[in-house]
């Protein structure tokens, strides 16, 4: 007797979500499996690596069982489903009733996969919808894009390896820093919660973005508990442990007094810095910025490679200013700015620069200068 029948397209769409948390190097064998459970004629799928877990349902599946459960090797199962015929009307039949194994039939293809019982599969926490916050998907994706490049890759400072998330006075703040640069953005949000405690969004943010891209939902929900964060996108639940450690006081890092303000064409500056970065020994070489009257001269000298210089016309009437920045940091900021004009706010060659989008007062980046001889 067949337990369920569904389309290949729908099954692969759900397995793509499950695959986001399956580890190919799981130290515990059961974590290489996903849970397939039929309960009240609904087909539930779940997976976890003990840090991140995901749960979703197969929509429009035909189910003739009221209850059944098994765990199956995820990579193998997905591989088989992908290689089945792509005919538009093709259906996949899955029977999981016999001795903890799954029988897969589609057209003239027939497979049998050995599974394992549910007993050793970790339980996923429930999502508390009553204490959740509703977030606009498009705005959140934009906020993440404009901050994620500043996170640290140094695991010895775990609080800097994610994006700081906090709701204060009906606005969502996202902040990231690696200790040399900082990105900060906020957006107004309509929610019953005027505030929500600040937490560091861990690597689960990448899995969330994948799900948001698959589901195309206008909004999603976030719920934070003492040591976990949960996301609900339509009928998909994504949960993760929170990052240990306290995020630094980012407001103290943002310079408040910057009398020198210069507006520059974003594309011109990005192209110039990219050109000069080709002469660096390694990613992130220092590029010198020399501001003079109505002119910005960018230059680089690399021992054993050569040198380069690019000039850009700007409106600048202040005293000459000679400062250098990590080329990768500047490129990351300019690529994600999303505007034609960028403003540099500076105080002196030894002070951090504030880089702002001209039309978006709710977004800024801070970049420390580089000392060059």
Protein backbone atom coordinates (compact mmCIF):
# COMPACT_ATOMS: atom_id res chain seq x y z
CA UNK A 1 0.00 0.00 0.00
CA UNK A 2 1.38 3.43 -0.97
CA UNK A 3 1.62 5.91 1.91
CA UNK A 4 1.86 9.07 -0.16
CA UNK A 5 1.86 10.37 -3.72
CA UNK A 6 3.23 13.78 -4.69
CA UNK A 7 4.76 15.66 -7.62
CA UNK A 8 8.51 15.67 -8.16
CA UNK A 9 8.53 19.50 -8.26
CA UNK A 10 6.85 19.85 -4.86
CA UNK A 11 8.95 17.14 -3.23
CA UNK A 12 12.23 18.63 -4.49
CA UNK A 13 11.17 22.11 -3.36
CA UNK A 14 10.72 20.80 0.20
CA UNK A 15 13.86 18.66 0.11
CA UNK A 16 15.85 21.72 -0.95
CA UNK A 17 14.80 23.29 2.35
CA UNK A 18 15.67 20.17 4.32
CA UNK A 19 19.06 19.96 2.61
CA UNK A 20 20.10 23.38 3.99
CA UNK A 21 20.79 21.89 7.44
CA UNK A 22 22.03 18.42 6.51
CA UNK A 23 25.73 18.03 7.27
CA UNK A 24 27.83 15.93 4.90
CA UNK A 25 30.29 15.29 7.76
CA UNK A 26 27.87 14.47 10.57
CA UNK A 27 29.62 12.79 13.51
CA UNK A 28 26.31 11.22 14.58
CA UNK A 29 24.92 9.03 11.75
CA UNK A 30 21.25 9.87 12.42
CA UNK A 31 22.01 13.55 11.62
CA UNK A 32 22.67 12.58 8.00
CA UNK A 33 19.04 11.50 7.84
CA UNK A 34 15.83 13.47 7.58
CA UNK A 35 12.55 12.68 9.27
CA UNK A 36 9.56 11.73 7.13
CA UNK A 37 6.40 11.58 9.23
CA UNK A 38 2.75 11.16 8.33
CA UNK A 39 0.45 12.51 10.98
CA UNK A 40 -3.27 13.14 10.50
CA UNK A 41 -2.73 12.69 6.74
CA UNK A 42 -0.15 15.50 6.64
CA UNK A 43 3.42 14.78 5.48
CA UNK A 44 6.04 16.39 7.70
CA UNK A 45 9.76 16.60 6.90
CA UNK A 46 12.44 17.59 9.42
CA UNK A 47 16.23 17.74 9.72
CA UNK A 48 18.79 19.03 12.22
CA UNK A 49 22.53 19.24 12.85
CA UNK A 50 21.88 19.91 16.59
CA UNK A 51 22.59 23.63 16.13
CA UNK A 52 20.04 24.33 13.41
CA UNK A 53 16.77 22.53 12.75
CA UNK A 54 14.09 22.85 10.08
CA UNK A 55 10.57 21.47 9.73
CA UNK A 56 8.22 21.76 6.75
CA UNK A 57 5.30 19.99 5.05
CA UNK A 58 4.72 18.58 1.57
CA UNK A 59 1.81 20.48 0.07
CA UNK A 60 -0.84 18.79 -2.09
CA UNK A 61 0.36 15.27 -1.25
CA UNK A 62 -2.15 12.41 -1.49
CA UNK A 63 -1.92 10.42 1.74
CA UNK A 64 -3.74 7.21 2.59
CA UNK A 65 -2.19 6.65 6.02
CA UNK A 66 -3.07 8.46 9.25
CA UNK A 67 0.25 7.78 10.97
CA UNK A 68 3.73 6.62 9.98
CA UNK A 69 7.31 7.76 10.65
CA UNK A 70 10.83 6.94 9.42
CA UNK A 71 14.21 8.62 8.98
CA UNK A 72 15.99 8.31 5.63
CA UNK A 73 19.50 9.22 4.36
CA UNK A 74 18.97 12.71 2.97
CA UNK A 75 21.69 12.99 0.31
CA UNK A 76 20.86 9.62 -1.21
CA UNK A 77 17.11 10.27 -1.18
CA UNK A 78 17.52 13.70 -2.80
CA UNK A 79 19.88 12.28 -5.41
CA UNK A 80 17.34 9.65 -6.43
CA UNK A 81 14.45 12.12 -6.63
CA UNK A 82 16.50 14.54 -8.76
CA UNK A 83 17.29 11.81 -11.31
CA UNK A 84 13.69 10.70 -11.77
CA UNK A 85 12.02 11.72 -15.07
CA UNK A 86 11.05 15.39 -15.43
CA UNK A 87 7.72 14.87 -17.16
CA UNK A 88 5.18 17.47 -16.06
CA UNK A 89 2.58 14.97 -14.90
CA UNK A 90 5.04 12.58 -13.25
CA UNK A 91 4.09 11.41 -9.77
CA UNK A 92 6.29 9.90 -7.09
CA UNK A 93 4.90 7.17 -4.86
CA UNK A 94 6.55 6.52 -1.51
CA UNK A 95 5.75 3.56 0.73
CA UNK A 96 7.38 3.50 4.18
CA UNK A 97 5.44 0.68 5.81
CA UNK A 98 7.85 -2.24 5.42
CA UNK A 99 10.60 -2.88 8.00
CA UNK A 100 11.90 0.69 8.28
CA UNK A 101 12.58 1.17 4.60
CA UNK A 102 11.23 3.42 1.87
CA UNK A 103 10.05 2.15 -1.49
CA UNK A 104 10.13 4.85 -4.18
CA UNK A 105 8.28 4.39 -7.48
CA UNK A 106 7.94 6.77 -10.41
CA UNK A 107 7.15 5.70 -13.96
CA UNK A 108 9.34 2.67 -14.65
CA UNK A 109 11.82 3.52 -11.86
CA UNK A 110 11.77 1.60 -8.59
CA UNK A 111 14.10 2.09 -5.60
CA UNK A 112 14.33 0.74 -2.07
CA UNK A 113 16.19 2.74 0.60
CA UNK A 114 16.94 1.48 4.10
CA UNK A 115 16.00 3.87 6.88
CA UNK A 116 16.19 3.98 10.67
CA UNK A 117 13.56 4.36 13.39
CA UNK A 118 12.59 7.77 14.75
CA UNK A 119 13.64 6.99 18.32
CA UNK A 120 17.20 8.38 17.98
CA UNK A 121 16.19 11.44 15.94
CA UNK A 122 16.37 14.69 18.00
CA UNK A 123 13.11 16.52 18.70
CA UNK A 124 12.79 20.05 17.33
CA UNK A 125 11.42 22.80 19.60
CA UNK A 126 8.01 24.26 18.87
CA UNK A 127 7.56 27.81 17.52
CA UNK A 128 5.74 30.12 19.97
CA UNK A 129 3.64 32.17 17.57
CA UNK A 130 1.98 34.25 20.31
CA UNK A 131 5.35 35.84 21.20
CA UNK A 132 6.62 36.30 17.66
CA UNK A 133 7.32 39.43 15.64
CA UNK A 134 6.14 39.89 12.07
CA UNK A 135 8.89 41.06 9.68
CA UNK A 136 8.71 42.24 6.07
CA UNK A 137 10.74 39.83 3.92
CA UNK A 138 11.97 42.28 1.28
CA UNK A 139 13.18 44.80 3.86
CA UNK A 140 14.88 42.15 5.97
CA UNK A 141 16.72 40.67 2.98
CA UNK A 142 17.96 44.14 2.06
CA UNK A 143 19.11 44.79 5.64
CA UNK A 144 21.03 41.51 5.78
CA UNK A 145 22.66 42.16 2.40
CA UNK A 146 23.90 45.54 3.65
CA UNK A 147 25.41 44.18 6.86
CA UNK A 148 26.47 40.55 6.42
CA UNK A 149 29.74 41.39 4.67
CA UNK A 150 31.07 43.02 7.87
CA UNK A 151 30.81 39.98 10.14
CA UNK A 152 33.98 38.45 11.54
CA UNK A 153 35.36 35.10 10.41
CA UNK A 154 37.32 34.74 13.67
CA UNK A 155 35.66 31.97 15.70
CA UNK A 156 37.58 33.05 18.82
CA UNK A 157 35.20 36.03 18.99
CA UNK A 158 31.84 34.30 18.49
CA UNK A 159 29.75 37.42 19.22
CA UNK A 160 31.20 39.04 16.08
CA UNK A 161 30.55 36.06 13.76
CA UNK A 162 26.87 36.93 13.33
CA UNK A 163 24.60 39.94 12.83
CA UNK A 164 23.32 41.72 15.93
CA UNK A 165 19.51 41.95 15.85
CA UNK A 166 17.44 44.12 18.15
CA UNK A 167 14.01 45.77 18.08
CA UNK A 168 13.81 49.10 19.88
CA UNK A 169 11.00 51.66 19.76
CA UNK A 170 9.28 49.88 16.88
CA UNK A 171 12.35 49.72 14.70
CA UNK A 172 14.56 46.80 13.69
CA UNK A 173 18.31 47.36 13.99
CA UNK A 174 20.91 45.14 12.34
CA UNK A 175 24.60 45.64 13.11
CA UNK A 176 27.73 43.71 12.17
CA UNK A 177 31.41 44.28 12.83
CA UNK A 178 34.72 42.43 12.59
CA UNK A 179 36.57 44.95 14.77
CA UNK A 180 37.95 46.93 11.80
CA UNK A 181 34.69 47.92 10.11
CA UNK A 182 31.04 48.17 11.07
CA UNK A 183 27.73 48.19 9.19
CA UNK A 184 24.53 49.54 10.74
CA UNK A 185 21.01 49.72 9.31
CA UNK A 186 17.56 50.19 10.77
CA UNK A 187 14.03 50.10 9.46
CA UNK A 188 10.68 50.94 11.05
CA UNK A 189 8.49 47.96 11.85
CA UNK A 190 4.86 47.62 12.78
CA UNK A 191 4.60 45.11 15.60
CA UNK A 192 2.86 44.53 18.91
CA UNK A 193 6.32 44.38 20.51
CA UNK A 194 7.89 47.82 20.97
CA UNK A 195 11.15 46.07 21.83
CA UNK A 196 12.85 42.68 21.70
CA UNK A 197 16.11 41.80 23.41
CA UNK A 198 19.24 42.08 21.32
CA UNK A 199 20.74 38.82 20.09
CA UNK A 200 23.39 37.78 17.58
CA UNK A 201 21.91 36.04 14.55
CA UNK A 202 24.17 33.01 13.96
CA UNK A 203 25.03 31.27 10.68
CA UNK A 204 21.36 30.25 10.40
CA UNK A 205 20.86 33.56 8.60
CA UNK A 206 22.12 31.91 5.39
CA UNK A 207 19.59 29.08 5.72
CA UNK A 208 16.85 31.63 6.35
CA UNK A 209 17.74 33.56 3.19
CA UNK A 210 17.60 30.32 1.19
CA UNK A 211 14.13 29.55 2.53
CA UNK A 212 12.88 33.10 1.90
CA UNK A 213 14.11 32.83 -1.68
CA UNK A 214 12.29 29.51 -2.17
CA UNK A 215 9.02 30.51 -0.52
CA UNK A 216 8.59 34.09 -1.82
CA UNK A 217 6.59 35.04 1.28
CA UNK A 218 5.76 38.72 1.85
CA UNK A 219 6.32 38.42 5.60
CA UNK A 220 7.76 35.96 8.10
CA UNK A 221 7.82 35.64 11.89
CA UNK A 222 10.66 35.68 14.43
CA UNK A 223 10.51 34.34 17.98
CA UNK A 224 13.38 34.57 20.49
CA UNK A 225 13.67 32.50 23.66
CA UNK A 226 16.43 32.33 26.27
CA UNK A 227 18.89 30.41 24.09
CA UNK A 228 17.17 29.91 20.73
CA UNK A 229 15.74 31.82 17.81
CA UNK A 230 12.94 30.57 15.60
CA UNK A 231 11.67 31.69 12.19
CA UNK A 232 8.34 30.83 10.61
CA UNK A 233 8.00 31.26 6.84
CA UNK A 234 4.52 30.13 5.79
CA UNK A 235 4.42 26.55 7.18
CA UNK A 236 8.21 26.22 7.50
CA UNK A 237 9.84 26.39 10.93
CA UNK A 238 13.58 27.12 11.21
CA UNK A 239 15.22 27.10 14.66
CA UNK A 240 18.76 27.70 15.86
CA UNK A 241 20.83 28.07 18.98
CA UNK A 242 21.91 31.61 19.73
CA UNK A 243 25.54 32.71 19.64
CA UNK A 244 27.25 32.91 23.02
CA UNK A 245 28.91 36.17 23.97
CA UNK A 246 27.93 39.83 24.28
CA UNK A 247 27.91 42.09 21.24
CA UNK A 248 29.97 45.28 21.78
CA UNK A 249 28.36 48.69 22.28
CA UNK A 250 28.21 49.64 18.61
CA UNK A 251 26.93 53.17 19.25
CA UNK A 252 30.25 54.08 20.85
CA UNK A 253 32.10 52.99 17.70
CA UNK A 254 30.20 55.32 15.34
CA UNK A 255 32.02 58.71 15.18
CA UNK A 256 29.72 61.61 16.00
CA UNK A 257 31.85 64.56 14.84
CA UNK A 258 33.03 64.48 11.23
CA UNK A 259 33.46 68.02 9.88
CA UNK A 260 34.87 66.89 6.52
CA UNK A 261 32.11 65.65 4.20
CA UNK A 262 32.73 64.57 0.62
CA UNK A 263 30.20 63.26 -1.92
CA UNK A 264 31.59 60.88 -4.57
CA UNK A 265 30.07 59.01 -7.51
CA UNK A 266 29.68 55.42 -6.30
CA UNK A 267 30.44 53.64 -9.59
CA UNK A 268 33.51 55.78 -10.32
CA UNK A 269 34.96 55.15 -6.89
CA UNK A 270 34.15 51.43 -6.97
CA UNK A 271 35.77 51.02 -10.39
CA UNK A 272 38.89 52.91 -9.29
CA UNK A 273 39.38 50.89 -6.10
CA UNK A 274 38.80 47.62 -7.97
CA UNK A 275 41.45 48.59 -10.52
CA UNK A 276 44.01 49.42 -7.84
CA UNK A 277 43.23 46.29 -5.83
CA UNK A 278 44.58 44.23 -8.74
CA UNK A 279 48.06 45.38 -7.71
CA UNK A 280 47.86 44.08 -4.15
CA UNK A 281 49.77 41.03 -2.95
CA UNK A 282 46.70 39.75 -1.15
CA UNK A 283 43.02 40.54 -0.80
CA UNK A 284 42.50 43.75 1.13
CA UNK A 285 45.63 45.72 0.27
CA UNK A 286 45.74 49.37 1.33
CA UNK A 287 44.67 52.09 -1.12
CA UNK A 288 45.69 55.69 -0.42
CA UNK A 289 43.00 58.39 -0.71
CA UNK A 290 44.42 61.90 -1.20
CA UNK A 291 41.71 64.57 -1.06
CA UNK A 292 42.69 67.94 -2.55
CA UNK A 293 40.63 70.80 -3.98
CA UNK A 294 37.95 69.24 -6.22
CA UNK A 295 40.05 66.12 -6.72
CA UNK A 296 40.49 62.67 -5.23
CA UNK A 297 43.67 60.83 -6.09
CA UNK A 298 43.69 57.11 -5.34
CA UNK A 299 46.99 55.27 -5.46
CA UNK A 300 48.75 52.09 -4.49
CA UNK A 301 52.36 50.93 -4.40
CA UNK A 302 53.05 47.20 -4.09
CA UNK A 303 56.58 46.00 -3.52
CA UNK A 304 57.61 43.63 -6.29
CA UNK A 305 54.40 44.20 -8.29
CA UNK A 306 54.14 47.84 -9.30
CA UNK A 307 52.02 50.90 -8.65
CA UNK A 308 48.81 52.50 -9.84
CA UNK A 309 46.98 55.81 -9.67
CA UNK A 310 43.43 56.89 -10.53
CA UNK A 311 41.94 60.39 -10.21
CA UNK A 312 38.28 61.28 -9.66
CA UNK A 313 36.70 64.74 -9.88
CA UNK A 314 34.88 65.62 -6.65
CA UNK A 315 33.48 68.70 -4.95
CA UNK A 316 35.91 69.33 -2.11
CA UNK A 317 36.95 72.67 -0.61
CA UNK A 318 38.57 71.57 2.67
CA UNK A 319 42.23 71.20 3.62
CA UNK A 320 44.20 68.40 1.94
CA UNK A 321 43.60 65.04 3.58
CA UNK A 322 45.76 61.94 3.07
CA UNK A 323 44.29 58.69 4.38
CA UNK A 324 44.39 54.98 3.43
CA UNK A 325 41.78 52.22 3.63
CA UNK A 326 41.61 48.46 3.15
CA UNK A 327 40.53 48.09 -0.48
CA UNK A 328 38.29 45.07 0.18
CA UNK A 329 36.38 46.92 2.90
CA UNK A 330 35.68 49.85 0.59
CA UNK A 331 34.65 47.54 -2.28
CA UNK A 332 32.26 45.59 -0.01
CA UNK A 333 30.55 48.78 1.12
CA UNK A 334 30.24 50.35 -2.33
CA UNK A 335 28.93 47.11 -3.92
CA UNK A 336 26.08 46.96 -1.42
CA UNK A 337 25.26 50.67 -1.18
CA UNK A 338 22.58 50.64 -3.86
CA UNK A 339 22.88 54.37 -4.67
CA UNK A 340 24.60 56.58 -7.26
CA UNK A 341 26.24 58.84 -4.68
CA UNK A 342 28.19 58.00 -1.53
CA UNK A 343 29.26 60.36 1.24
CA UNK A 344 32.53 60.08 3.17
CA UNK A 345 32.43 61.82 6.56
CA UNK A 346 35.89 62.27 8.06
CA UNK A 347 37.73 64.00 10.85
CA UNK A 348 41.39 63.24 10.13
CA UNK A 349 43.81 60.65 8.69
CA UNK A 350 43.93 58.63 11.94
CA UNK A 351 40.17 58.57 12.57
CA UNK A 352 37.51 56.17 11.32
CA UNK A 353 35.45 57.30 8.35
CA UNK A 354 31.66 57.14 8.22
CA UNK A 355 30.40 56.09 4.78
CA UNK A 356 26.76 56.87 4.11
CA UNK A 357 24.20 56.38 1.41
CA UNK A 358 23.05 59.85 0.34
CA UNK A 359 19.33 59.04 0.17
CA UNK A 360 19.16 56.49 2.99
CA UNK A 361 19.76 58.12 6.35
CA UNK A 362 19.02 54.80 8.06
CA UNK A 363 22.15 53.06 6.75
CA UNK A 364 25.84 53.71 7.39
CA UNK A 365 29.20 51.96 7.54
CA UNK A 366 32.28 52.77 9.59
CA UNK A 367 35.75 51.89 8.34
CA UNK A 368 39.03 52.27 10.24
CA UNK A 369 41.96 53.74 8.29
CA UNK A 370 45.06 51.73 7.47
CA UNK A 371 48.48 52.96 8.47
CA UNK A 372 50.90 52.96 5.57
CA UNK A 373 54.56 53.95 5.47
